[in-house]
Amino acid sequence: MRTTTTTPQAPVLFIIFNRPEQTKKVFEMIRKAQPKKLYVAADGPRNNGKDDERCKETRAIIDLVDWDCEVKTLFRDENIGCGLGPKTAIDWFFENEEEGIILEDDCLPSESFFKFCSELLEKYRDNSQIMHIGGSNFQNGYVSDSEYSYYFSYFSHEWGWASWRRAWKHYDYEVSTYPELKKKGYFDTYFSNFIEKKYRLSKIEKTINAKEVTWWDYQWDYTKLINSGLSIIPHQNMIKNLGFGEDATHTLSANDERQKNEAHEISFPLHHPNFIIRDTKADRKYFNRFFKSTILRRKILGFLRIPGYSAEG
């Protein structure tokens, strides 16, 4: 059995577009990790008069690879959007690799993120319970069990993560099974409370009802949900999101408290749990904290007028 010091660096998929400044910062962290295989996917420019030059400048950053590395690129001429763009990039990645790390251009990792993912990709390679290894932790230092380096969750964060072909093969971009499963009542008692159920199912129904789907991560959450898959969440946050602000597609609010999360280093050797049980206490604390800060919470609670819950906080 290989020790943690000899665990090989996992292949990396780097998804880029038109943000050379952020892309360069993330690339520099990839350069420090020096993966032997680097996949780079880029959607095509939009017809807005700005993207052509910025996309070209962003793609040129990949020419700075100066270590022993096999580089493969998927550079599109046409723009297919921020739903299908990442989805097809990840498809392409796992068509070529059994496992690996996925980073988008605004997800700045710490140095230890790569080793963390590589070690756990190897450790849980053949365990179908584990579908996702995350690099983010939004608990602000809260740890329910400090004995271990990470915990198991049914939530996941896609700001720097890793997975396996065996897990991604279940991905359902259209969430096609949802209407039948909902009708049969499979989600009636699955969630910890009605508020969580309402919130999480709203994401799935948003995907079904949207005229244009500009996301891919809700569908990945749904895929894990219907396969009883677990995510690994580190006890240290290892990803800083650089994409908050008015130029973003999804992370529009510059006041979102998650933008304050810095990328920290995790300690090695990792302390692995000798069990695989979802940490319901950590999940509940995360959901309550995250949901409390959302506009949707106020909308739902204001509409439902649930006793004991305040729409103001």
C-alpha atoms as a PDB file:
ATOM      1  CA  MET A   1       0.000   0.000   0.000  1.00  0.00           C
ATOM      2  CA  ARG A   2       1.296   3.454  -0.897  1.00  0.00           C
ATOM      3  CA  THR A   3       1.884   5.948   1.900  1.00  0.00           C
ATOM      4  CA  THR A   4       0.495   9.463   1.816  1.00  0.00           C
ATOM      5  CA  THR A   5       3.928  10.817   0.897  1.00  0.00           C
ATOM      6  CA  THR A   6       3.969   8.818  -2.350  1.00  0.00           C
ATOM      7  CA  THR A   7       0.362   9.299  -3.416  1.00  0.00           C
ATOM      8  CA  PRO A   8       0.598  10.520  -7.020  1.00  0.00           C
ATOM      9  CA  GLN A   9      -0.831  13.899  -7.968  1.00  0.00           C
ATOM     10  CA  ALA A  10      -4.274  13.368  -9.501  1.00  0.00           C
ATOM     11  CA  PRO A  11      -5.074  14.725 -12.974  1.00  0.00           C
ATOM     12  CA  VAL A  12      -6.597  18.219 -12.964  1.00  0.00           C
ATOM     13  CA  LEU A  13      -9.400  19.663 -15.081  1.00  0.00           C
ATOM     14  CA  PHE A  14      -9.203  23.459 -15.298  1.00  0.00           C
ATOM     15  CA  ILE A  15     -12.378  25.107 -16.634  1.00  0.00           C
ATOM     16  CA  ILE A  16     -11.728  28.628 -17.927  1.00  0.00           C
ATOM     17  CA  PHE A  17     -13.528  31.276 -19.960  1.00  0.00           C
ATOM     18  CA  ASN A  18     -12.892  35.034 -20.174  1.00  0.00           C
ATOM     19  CA  ARG A  19     -11.305  36.113 -16.883  1.00  0.00           C
ATOM     20  CA  PRO A  20      -7.523  36.232 -17.344  1.00  0.00           C
ATOM     21  CA  GLU A  21      -6.821  37.852 -13.971  1.00  0.00           C
ATOM     22  CA  GLN A  22      -8.529  35.156 -11.912  1.00  0.00           C
ATOM     23  CA  THR A  23      -7.378  32.410 -14.250  1.00  0.00           C
ATOM     24  CA  LYS A  24      -3.731  33.406 -13.795  1.00  0.00           C
ATOM     25  CA  LYS A  25      -4.025  33.247  -9.996  1.00  0.00           C
ATOM     26  CA  VAL A  26      -5.571  29.781 -10.060  1.00  0.00           C
ATOM     27  CA  PHE A  27      -3.076  28.621 -12.687  1.00  0.00           C
ATOM     28  CA  GLU A  28      -0.192  29.630 -10.402  1.00  0.00           C
ATOM     29  CA  MET A  29      -1.520  27.278  -7.722  1.00  0.00           C
ATOM     30  CA  ILE A  30      -1.848  24.482 -10.275  1.00  0.00           C
ATOM     31  CA  ARG A  31       1.734  25.202 -11.323  1.00  0.00           C
ATOM     32  CA  LYS A  32       2.886  24.733  -7.728  1.00  0.00           C
ATOM     33  CA  ALA A  33       1.109  21.360  -7.584  1.00  0.00           C
ATOM     34  CA  GLN A  34       2.633  20.305 -10.937  1.00  0.00           C
ATOM     35  CA  PRO A  35       0.130  17.636 -11.960  1.00  0.00           C
ATOM     36  CA  LYS A  36       1.380  15.202 -14.586  1.00  0.00           C
ATOM     37  CA  LYS A  37      -1.856  15.627 -16.528  1.00  0.00           C
ATOM     38  CA  LEU A  38      -3.702  18.912 -17.028  1.00  0.00           C
ATOM     39  CA  TYR A  39      -6.972  19.157 -18.929  1.00  0.00           C
ATOM     40  CA  VAL A  40      -8.134  22.641 -19.879  1.00  0.00           C
ATOM     41  CA  ALA A  41     -11.643  23.341 -21.168  1.00  0.00           C
ATOM     42  CA  ALA A  42     -12.836  26.721 -22.407  1.00  0.00           C
ATOM     43  CA  ASP A  43     -16.245  27.740 -23.700  1.00  0.00           C
ATOM     44  CA  GLY A  44     -16.360  29.887 -26.820  1.00  0.00           C
ATOM     45  CA  PRO A  45     -16.770  33.680 -26.710  1.00  0.00           C
ATOM     46  CA  ARG A  46     -20.204  35.270 -26.657  1.00  0.00           C
ATOM     47  CA  ASN A  47     -21.221  37.795 -29.293  1.00  0.00           C
ATOM     48  CA  ASN A  48     -20.803  40.827 -27.068  1.00  0.00           C
ATOM     49  CA  GLY A  49     -17.756  42.537 -28.552  1.00  0.00           C
ATOM     50  CA  LYS A  50     -15.675  41.886 -25.415  1.00  0.00           C
ATOM     51  CA  ASP A  51     -15.211  38.146 -25.117  1.00  0.00           C
ATOM     52  CA  ASP A  52     -13.047  37.527 -28.188  1.00  0.00           C
ATOM     53  CA  GLU A  53      -9.958  39.251 -26.829  1.00  0.00           C
ATOM     54  CA  ARG A  54     -10.496  38.241 -23.214  1.00  0.00           C
ATOM     55  CA  CYS A  55     -11.037  34.583 -24.110  1.00  0.00           C
ATOM     56  CA  LYS A  56      -7.890  34.643 -26.236  1.00  0.00           C
ATOM     57  CA  GLU A  57      -5.889  36.229 -23.413  1.00  0.00           C
ATOM     58  CA  THR A  58      -7.232  33.700 -20.923  1.00  0.00           C
ATOM     59  CA  ARG A  59      -6.410  30.692 -23.097  1.00  0.00           C
ATOM     60  CA  ALA A  60      -2.860  31.963 -23.613  1.00  0.00           C
ATOM     61  CA  ILE A  61      -2.165  31.479 -19.895  1.00  0.00           C
ATOM     62  CA  ILE A  62      -2.046  27.728 -20.479  1.00  0.00           C
ATOM     63  CA  ASP A  63       1.042  28.267 -22.653  1.00  0.00           C
ATOM     64  CA  LEU A  64       2.877  29.057 -19.405  1.00  0.00           C
ATOM     65  CA  VAL A  65       3.018  25.375 -18.409  1.00  0.00           C
ATOM     66  CA  ASP A  66       6.722  24.881 -17.670  1.00  0.00           C
ATOM     67  CA  TRP A  67       6.813  21.551 -15.854  1.00  0.00           C
ATOM     68  CA  ASP A  68       6.680  17.947 -17.044  1.00  0.00           C
ATOM     69  CA  CYS A  69       2.990  17.767 -17.877  1.00  0.00           C
ATOM     70  CA  GLU A  70       0.705  16.302 -20.523  1.00  0.00           C
ATOM     71  CA  VAL A  71      -1.709  19.090 -21.488  1.00  0.00           C
ATOM     72  CA  LYS A  72      -4.983  18.401 -23.270  1.00  0.00           C
ATOM     73  CA  THR A  73      -7.360  21.162 -24.344  1.00  0.00           C
ATOM     74  CA  LEU A  74     -11.019  21.440 -25.272  1.00  0.00           C
ATOM     75  CA  PHE A  75     -11.336  24.963 -26.657  1.00  0.00           C
ATOM     76  CA  ARG A  76     -14.745  25.664 -28.179  1.00  0.00           C
ATOM     77  CA  ASP A  77     -15.399  28.121 -30.997  1.00  0.00           C
ATOM     78  CA  GLU A  78     -19.067  28.540 -30.092  1.00  0.00           C
ATOM     79  CA  ASN A  79     -20.497  29.515 -26.718  1.00  0.00           C
ATOM     80  CA  ILE A  80     -22.667  26.790 -25.198  1.00  0.00           C
ATOM     81  CA  GLY A  81     -23.225  28.493 -21.841  1.00  0.00           C
ATOM     82  CA  CYS A  82     -22.325  27.989 -18.199  1.00  0.00           C
ATOM     83  CA  GLY A  83     -24.597  24.985 -17.839  1.00  0.00           C
ATOM     84  CA  LEU A  84     -23.571  22.789 -20.752  1.00  0.00           C
ATOM     85  CA  GLY A  85     -20.066  24.261 -20.833  1.00  0.00           C
ATOM     86  CA  PRO A  86     -18.857  22.822 -17.513  1.00  0.00           C
ATOM     87  CA  LYS A  87     -21.031  19.716 -17.925  1.00  0.00           C
ATOM     88  CA  THR A  88     -19.458  18.739 -21.235  1.00  0.00           C
ATOM     89  CA  ALA A  89     -15.992  19.630 -19.930  1.00  0.00           C
ATOM     90  CA  ILE A  90     -16.402  17.251 -17.001  1.00  0.00           C
ATOM     91  CA  ASP A  91     -17.818  14.593 -19.348  1.00  0.00           C
ATOM     92  CA  TRP A  92     -14.687  14.945 -21.493  1.00  0.00           C
ATOM     93  CA  PHE A  93     -12.416  14.753 -18.441  1.00  0.00           C
ATOM     94  CA  PHE A  94     -13.932  11.523 -17.146  1.00  0.00           C
ATOM     95  CA  GLU A  95     -13.996   9.990 -20.603  1.00  0.00           C
ATOM     96  CA  ASN A  96     -10.202  10.197 -20.380  1.00  0.00           C
ATOM     97  CA  GLU A  97      -9.554   9.698 -16.657  1.00  0.00           C
ATOM     98  CA  GLU A  98     -10.899   7.411 -13.937  1.00  0.00           C
ATOM     99  CA  GLU A  99     -10.595  10.136 -11.303  1.00  0.00           C
ATOM    100  CA  GLY A 100      -9.414  13.669 -10.868  1.00  0.00           C
ATOM    101  CA  ILE A 101      -9.668  17.215  -9.542  1.00  0.00           C
ATOM    102  CA  ILE A 102     -11.936  19.911 -11.010  1.00  0.00           C
ATOM    103  CA  LEU A 103     -11.203  23.626 -10.672  1.00  0.00           C
ATOM    104  CA  GLU A 104     -12.989  26.554 -12.261  1.00  0.00           C
ATOM    105  CA  ASP A 105     -11.242  29.818 -13.039  1.00  0.00           C
ATOM    106  CA  ASP A 106     -12.521  31.644  -9.959  1.00  0.00           C
ATOM    107  CA  CYS A 107     -11.776  28.926  -7.385  1.00  0.00           C
ATOM    108  CA  LEU A 108      -8.395  29.649  -5.810  1.00  0.00           C
ATOM    109  CA  PRO A 109      -7.088  26.618  -3.886  1.00  0.00           C
ATOM    110  CA  SER A 110      -4.508  26.356  -1.155  1.00  0.00           C
ATOM    111  CA  GLU A 111      -1.428  24.235  -1.872  1.00  0.00           C
ATOM    112  CA  SER A 112      -2.624  21.369   0.319  1.00  0.00           C
ATOM    113  CA  PHE A 113      -5.928  21.078  -1.575  1.00  0.00           C
ATOM    114  CA  PHE A 114      -4.280  19.012  -4.314  1.00  0.00           C
ATOM    115  CA  LYS A 115      -2.677  16.532  -1.925  1.00  0.00           C
ATOM    116  CA  PHE A 116      -5.901  16.295   0.088  1.00  0.00           C
ATOM    117  CA  CYS A 117      -7.916  15.392  -3.012  1.00  0.00           C
ATOM    118  CA  SER A 118      -5.298  13.030  -4.424  1.00  0.00           C
ATOM    119  CA  GLU A 119      -5.021  11.080  -1.194  1.00  0.00           C
ATOM    120  CA  LEU A 120      -8.775  10.731  -0.755  1.00  0.00           C
ATOM    121  CA  LEU A 121      -9.364   9.859  -4.409  1.00  0.00           C
ATOM    122  CA  GLU A 122      -7.080   6.905  -3.828  1.00  0.00           C
ATOM    123  CA  LYS A 123      -8.487   5.973  -0.417  1.00  0.00           C
ATOM    124  CA  TYR A 124     -12.150   5.936  -1.494  1.00  0.00           C
ATOM    125  CA  ARG A 125     -11.593   4.885  -5.107  1.00  0.00           C
ATOM    126  CA  ASP A 126     -13.644   1.708  -4.789  1.00  0.00           C
ATOM    127  CA  ASN A 127     -16.230   2.928  -2.288  1.00  0.00           C
ATOM    128  CA  SER A 128     -19.390   3.856  -4.181  1.00  0.00           C
ATOM    129  CA  GLN A 129     -20.853   5.570  -1.096  1.00  0.00           C
ATOM    130  CA  ILE A 130     -18.440   8.464  -1.604  1.00  0.00           C
ATOM    131  CA  MET A 131     -19.215  10.472  -4.740  1.00  0.00           C
ATOM    132  CA  HIS A 132     -17.642  13.867  -4.073  1.00  0.00           C
ATOM    133  CA  ILE A 133     -14.546  15.290  -2.374  1.00  0.00           C
ATOM    134  CA  GLY A 134     -14.908  18.986  -1.638  1.00  0.00           C
ATOM    135  CA  GLY A 135     -12.329  21.638  -0.900  1.00  0.00           C
ATOM    136  CA  SER A 136     -14.715  24.140   0.698  1.00  0.00           C
ATOM    137  CA  ASN A 137     -15.997  24.449   4.228  1.00  0.00           C
ATOM    138  CA  PHE A 138     -18.404  27.277   5.096  1.00  0.00           C
ATOM    139  CA  GLN A 139     -18.674  26.492   8.821  1.00  0.00           C
ATOM    140  CA  ASN A 140     -16.393  29.346   9.947  1.00  0.00           C
ATOM    141  CA  GLY A 141     -14.217  27.078  12.031  1.00  0.00           C
ATOM    142  CA  TYR A 142     -17.000  24.987  13.531  1.00  0.00           C
ATOM    143  CA  VAL A 143     -15.987  21.330  13.877  1.00  0.00           C
ATOM    144  CA  SER A 144     -18.352  18.765  15.369  1.00  0.00           C
ATOM    145  CA  ASP A 145     -15.604  16.132  15.770  1.00  0.00           C
ATOM    146  CA  SER A 146     -12.073  17.510  15.865  1.00  0.00           C
ATOM    147  CA  GLU A 147     -10.475  14.062  15.920  1.00  0.00           C
ATOM    148  CA  TYR A 148     -10.664  13.792  12.130  1.00  0.00           C
ATOM    149  CA  SER A 149      -9.569  15.877   9.140  1.00  0.00           C
ATOM    150  CA  TYR A 150     -12.934  15.764   7.373  1.00  0.00           C
ATOM    151  CA  TYR A 151     -16.510  14.604   7.698  1.00  0.00           C
ATOM    152  CA  PHE A 152     -19.185  13.014   5.534  1.00  0.00           C
ATOM    153  CA  SER A 153     -22.119  15.076   4.330  1.00  0.00           C
ATOM    154  CA  TYR A 154     -25.012  14.969   1.910  1.00  0.00           C
ATOM    155  CA  PHE A 155     -24.269  18.573   0.982  1.00  0.00           C
ATOM    156  CA  SER A 156     -21.506  19.425  -1.426  1.00  0.00           C
ATOM    157  CA  HIS A 157     -19.711  22.520  -2.647  1.00  0.00           C
ATOM    158  CA  GLU A 158     -18.372  22.646  -6.184  1.00  0.00           C
ATOM    159  CA  TRP A 159     -15.807  25.398  -5.611  1.00  0.00           C
ATOM    160  CA  GLY A 160     -12.853  23.098  -6.134  1.00  0.00           C
ATOM    161  CA  TRP A 161     -13.641  19.410  -5.859  1.00  0.00           C
ATOM    162  CA  ALA A 162     -12.740  15.927  -7.012  1.00  0.00           C
ATOM    163  CA  SER A 163     -14.566  12.796  -8.053  1.00  0.00           C
ATOM    164  CA  TRP A 164     -14.432   9.578 -10.016  1.00  0.00           C
ATOM    165  CA  ARG A 165     -15.750   8.370 -13.354  1.00  0.00           C
ATOM    166  CA  ARG A 166     -17.770   5.760 -11.431  1.00  0.00           C
ATOM    167  CA  ALA A 167     -19.697   8.591  -9.720  1.00  0.00           C
ATOM    168  CA  TRP A 168     -20.012  11.029 -12.628  1.00  0.00           C
ATOM    169  CA  LYS A 169     -21.497   8.351 -14.878  1.00  0.00           C
ATOM    170  CA  HIS A 170     -24.748   8.760 -12.908  1.00  0.00           C
ATOM    171  CA  TYR A 171     -24.948  12.505 -13.618  1.00  0.00           C
ATOM    172  CA  ASP A 172     -28.400  13.571 -14.832  1.00  0.00           C
ATOM    173  CA  TYR A 173     -28.297  17.030 -16.408  1.00  0.00           C
ATOM    174  CA  GLU A 174     -32.057  17.017 -17.080  1.00  0.00           C
ATOM    175  CA  VAL A 175     -32.936  15.633 -13.590  1.00  0.00           C
ATOM    176  CA  SER A 176     -35.195  13.351 -15.612  1.00  0.00           C
ATOM    177  CA  THR A 177     -36.257  11.045 -12.788  1.00  0.00           C
ATOM    178  CA  TYR A 178     -37.406  13.814 -10.453  1.00  0.00           C
ATOM    179  CA  PRO A 179     -41.115  14.059 -11.436  1.00  0.00           C
ATOM    180  CA  GLU A 180     -41.663  10.327 -10.942  1.00  0.00           C
ATOM    181  CA  LEU A 181     -39.755  10.139  -7.658  1.00  0.00           C
ATOM    182  CA  LYS A 182     -41.557  13.174  -6.281  1.00  0.00           C
ATOM    183  CA  LYS A 183     -44.944  11.780  -7.305  1.00  0.00           C
ATOM    184  CA  LYS A 184     -44.172   8.517  -5.517  1.00  0.00           C
ATOM    185  CA  GLY A 185     -43.250  10.403  -2.339  1.00  0.00           C
ATOM    186  CA  TYR A 186     -39.576   9.517  -2.109  1.00  0.00           C
ATOM    187  CA  PHE A 187     -38.667  13.025  -0.934  1.00  0.00           C
ATOM    188  CA  ASP A 188     -41.523  13.436   1.555  1.00  0.00           C
ATOM    189  CA  THR A 189     -39.518  12.515   4.658  1.00  0.00           C
ATOM    190  CA  TYR A 190     -35.960  12.472   3.331  1.00  0.00           C
ATOM    191  CA  PHE A 191     -34.879  15.927   4.519  1.00  0.00           C
ATOM    192  CA  SER A 192     -34.336  17.031   8.097  1.00  0.00           C
ATOM    193  CA  ASN A 193     -37.249  19.484   8.062  1.00  0.00           C
ATOM    194  CA  PHE A 194     -39.820  21.085   5.801  1.00  0.00           C
ATOM    195  CA  ILE A 195     -37.735  24.211   5.218  1.00  0.00           C
ATOM    196  CA  GLU A 196     -34.775  22.218   3.953  1.00  0.00           C
ATOM    197  CA  LYS A 197     -37.053  20.126   1.757  1.00  0.00           C
ATOM    198  CA  LYS A 198     -38.659  23.235   0.270  1.00  0.00           C
ATOM    199  CA  TYR A 199     -35.314  24.880  -0.378  1.00  0.00           C
ATOM    200  CA  ARG A 200     -33.503  21.916  -1.906  1.00  0.00           C
ATOM    201  CA  LEU A 201     -36.371  20.741  -4.085  1.00  0.00           C
ATOM    202  CA  SER A 202     -36.832  24.300  -5.344  1.00  0.00           C
ATOM    203  CA  LYS A 203     -33.391  24.040  -6.955  1.00  0.00           C
ATOM    204  CA  ILE A 204     -34.402  20.894  -8.812  1.00  0.00           C
ATOM    205  CA  GLU A 205     -37.727  22.334  -9.925  1.00  0.00           C
ATOM    206  CA  LYS A 206     -35.953  25.484 -11.070  1.00  0.00           C
ATOM    207  CA  THR A 207     -33.876  23.279 -13.366  1.00  0.00           C
ATOM    208  CA  ILE A 208     -36.931  21.521 -14.776  1.00  0.00           C
ATOM    209  CA  ASN A 209     -38.883  24.733 -15.357  1.00  0.00           C
ATOM    210  CA  ALA A 210     -36.088  26.949 -16.684  1.00  0.00           C
ATOM    211  CA  LYS A 211     -36.231  28.108 -20.296  1.00  0.00           C
ATOM    212  CA  GLU A 212     -32.442  28.124 -20.298  1.00  0.00           C
ATOM    213  CA  VAL A 213     -30.375  26.161 -17.785  1.00  0.00           C
ATOM    214  CA  THR A 214     -27.285  28.171 -16.866  1.00  0.00           C
ATOM    215  CA  TRP A 215     -26.012  25.887 -14.106  1.00  0.00           C
ATOM    216  CA  TRP A 216     -24.831  22.320 -13.733  1.00  0.00           C
ATOM    217  CA  ASP A 217     -24.235  21.948  -9.998  1.00  0.00           C
ATOM    218  CA  TYR A 218     -27.877  21.591  -8.886  1.00  0.00           C
ATOM    219  CA  GLN A 219     -28.038  18.536 -11.111  1.00  0.00           C
ATOM    220  CA  TRP A 220     -24.895  17.104  -9.517  1.00  0.00           C
ATOM    221  CA  ASP A 221     -26.436  17.584  -6.071  1.00  0.00           C
ATOM    222  CA  TYR A 222     -29.552  15.800  -7.335  1.00  0.00           C
ATOM    223  CA  THR A 223     -27.452  12.962  -8.738  1.00  0.00           C
ATOM    224  CA  LYS A 224     -25.865  12.389  -5.349  1.00  0.00           C
ATOM    225  CA  LEU A 225     -29.241  12.671  -3.650  1.00  0.00           C
ATOM    226  CA  ILE A 226     -30.926   9.904  -5.654  1.00  0.00           C
ATOM    227  CA  ASN A 227     -27.879   7.638  -5.388  1.00  0.00           C
ATOM    228  CA  SER A 228     -27.526   8.092  -1.604  1.00  0.00           C
ATOM    229  CA  GLY A 229     -24.079   9.497  -2.259  1.00  0.00           C
ATOM    230  CA  LEU A 230     -21.956  11.224   0.355  1.00  0.00           C
ATOM    231  CA  SER A 231     -19.542  14.122   0.045  1.00  0.00           C
ATOM    232  CA  ILE A 232     -16.326  14.648   1.961  1.00  0.00           C
ATOM    233  CA  ILE A 233     -16.070  18.079   3.584  1.00  0.00           C
ATOM    234  CA  PRO A 234     -12.676  19.159   4.999  1.00  0.00           C
ATOM    235  CA  HIS A 235     -12.508  20.697   8.445  1.00  0.00           C
ATOM    236  CA  GLN A 236     -10.437  23.518   6.932  1.00  0.00           C
ATOM    237  CA  ASN A 237     -11.683  25.654   4.066  1.00  0.00           C
ATOM    238  CA  MET A 238      -9.167  25.287   1.229  1.00  0.00           C
ATOM    239  CA  ILE A 239     -10.827  27.350  -1.524  1.00  0.00           C
ATOM    240  CA  LYS A 240     -11.241  31.105  -1.897  1.00  0.00           C
ATOM    241  CA  ASN A 241     -13.839  32.148  -4.464  1.00  0.00           C
ATOM    242  CA  LEU A 242     -12.579  35.029  -6.599  1.00  0.00           C
ATOM    243  CA  GLY A 243     -15.758  35.407  -8.601  1.00  0.00           C
ATOM    244  CA  PHE A 244     -18.060  37.487  -6.423  1.00  0.00           C
ATOM    245  CA  GLY A 245     -19.372  40.741  -7.841  1.00  0.00           C
ATOM    246  CA  GLU A 246     -21.512  42.276 -10.551  1.00  0.00           C
ATOM    247  CA  ASP A 247     -19.525  40.662 -13.389  1.00  0.00           C
ATOM    248  CA  ALA A 248     -20.317  37.161 -12.121  1.00  0.00           C
ATOM    249  CA  THR A 249     -23.010  34.881 -13.520  1.00  0.00           C
ATOM    250  CA  HIS A 250     -24.159  33.296 -10.256  1.00  0.00           C
ATOM    251  CA  THR A 251     -22.202  34.808  -7.330  1.00  0.00           C
ATOM    252  CA  LEU A 252     -23.524  38.312  -7.909  1.00  0.00           C
ATOM    253  CA  SER A 253     -23.605  39.653  -4.373  1.00  0.00           C
ATOM    254  CA  ALA A 254     -20.365  41.239  -3.245  1.00  0.00           C
ATOM    255  CA  ASN A 255     -21.858  41.092   0.273  1.00  0.00           C
ATOM    256  CA  ASP A 256     -22.183  37.293   0.325  1.00  0.00           C
ATOM    257  CA  GLU A 257     -20.422  36.205   3.509  1.00  0.00           C
ATOM    258  CA  ARG A 258     -18.892  33.220   1.713  1.00  0.00           C
ATOM    259  CA  GLN A 259     -16.548  35.563  -0.154  1.00  0.00           C
ATOM    260  CA  LYS A 260     -14.808  36.211   3.165  1.00  0.00           C
ATOM    261  CA  ASN A 261     -13.604  32.597   3.357  1.00  0.00           C
ATOM    262  CA  GLU A 262      -9.857  32.422   2.794  1.00  0.00           C
ATOM    263  CA  ALA A 263      -8.035  29.345   1.501  1.00  0.00           C
ATOM    264  CA  HIS A 264      -6.232  27.621   4.366  1.00  0.00           C
ATOM    265  CA  GLU A 265      -3.788  24.740   4.516  1.00  0.00           C
ATOM    266  CA  ILE A 266      -4.851  21.443   6.013  1.00  0.00           C
ATOM    267  CA  SER A 267      -2.460  19.437   8.178  1.00  0.00           C
ATOM    268  CA  PHE A 268      -0.902  16.134   7.153  1.00  0.00           C
ATOM    269  CA  PRO A 269      -0.979  13.283   7.769  1.00  0.00           C
ATOM    270  CA  LEU A 270      -4.730  13.302   7.442  1.00  0.00           C
ATOM    271  CA  HIS A 271      -6.738  11.766  10.255  1.00  0.00           C
ATOM    272  CA  HIS A 272      -9.256   9.461   8.611  1.00  0.00           C
ATOM    273  CA  PRO A 273     -12.507   8.365  10.255  1.00  0.00           C
ATOM    274  CA  ASN A 274     -12.721   4.592  10.632  1.00  0.00           C
ATOM    275  CA  PHE A 275     -16.417   4.773   9.761  1.00  0.00           C
ATOM    276  CA  ILE A 276     -18.606   6.267   7.041  1.00  0.00           C
ATOM    277  CA  ILE A 277     -21.555   8.008   8.691  1.00  0.00           C
ATOM    278  CA  ARG A 278     -23.080  11.308   7.655  1.00  0.00           C
ATOM    279  CA  ASP A 279     -22.447  14.037  10.229  1.00  0.00           C
ATOM    280  CA  THR A 280     -26.035  15.222  10.663  1.00  0.00           C
ATOM    281  CA  LYS A 281     -25.050  17.766  13.303  1.00  0.00           C
ATOM    282  CA  ALA A 282     -22.589  19.495  10.968  1.00  0.00           C
ATOM    283  CA  ASP A 283     -25.050  19.325   8.073  1.00  0.00           C
ATOM    284  CA  ARG A 284     -27.819  20.880  10.125  1.00  0.00           C
ATOM    285  CA  LYS A 285     -25.575  23.670  11.351  1.00  0.00           C
ATOM    286  CA  TYR A 286     -24.382  24.411   7.824  1.00  0.00           C
ATOM    287  CA  PHE A 287     -27.874  24.497   6.378  1.00  0.00           C
ATOM    288  CA  ASN A 288     -29.268  26.715   9.119  1.00  0.00           C
ATOM    289  CA  ARG A 289     -26.382  29.152   8.779  1.00  0.00           C
ATOM    290  CA  PHE A 290     -26.404  29.262   4.996  1.00  0.00           C
ATOM    291  CA  PHE A 291     -30.165  29.363   4.609  1.00  0.00           C
ATOM    292  CA  LYS A 292     -30.482  32.131   7.166  1.00  0.00           C
ATOM    293  CA  SER A 293     -28.444  34.404   4.918  1.00  0.00           C
ATOM    294  CA  THR A 294     -30.477  33.847   1.766  1.00  0.00           C
ATOM    295  CA  ILE A 295     -33.242  35.950   0.326  1.00  0.00           C
ATOM    296  CA  LEU A 296     -35.109  32.745  -0.451  1.00  0.00           C
ATOM    297  CA  ARG A 297     -35.402  32.041   3.264  1.00  0.00           C
ATOM    298  CA  ARG A 298     -37.259  35.284   3.812  1.00  0.00           C
ATOM    299  CA  LYS A 299     -39.478  34.649   0.819  1.00  0.00           C
ATOM    300  CA  ILE A 300     -40.385  31.116   1.884  1.00  0.00           C
ATOM    301  CA  LEU A 301     -40.946  31.903   5.548  1.00  0.00           C
ATOM    302  CA  GLY A 302     -42.847  35.070   4.739  1.00  0.00           C
ATOM    303  CA  PHE A 303     -45.111  33.160   2.388  1.00  0.00           C
ATOM    304  CA  LEU A 304     -45.626  30.136   4.628  1.00  0.00           C
ATOM    305  CA  ARG A 305     -45.790  32.001   7.967  1.00  0.00           C
ATOM    306  CA  ILE A 306     -44.462  28.980   9.831  1.00  0.00           C
ATOM    307  CA  PRO A 307     -44.759  29.309  13.641  1.00  0.00           C
ATOM    308  CA  GLY A 308     -41.390  29.544  15.339  1.00  0.00           C
ATOM    309  CA  TYR A 309     -39.534  30.755  12.235  1.00  0.00           C
ATOM    310  CA  SER A 310     -38.887  34.418  11.607  1.00  0.00           C
ATOM    311  CA  ALA A 311     -38.636  35.751   8.074  1.00  0.00           C
ATOM    312  CA  GLU A 312     -36.297  38.441   9.365  1.00  0.00           C
ATOM    313  CA  GLY A 313     -33.670  36.071  10.733  1.00  0.00           C
END
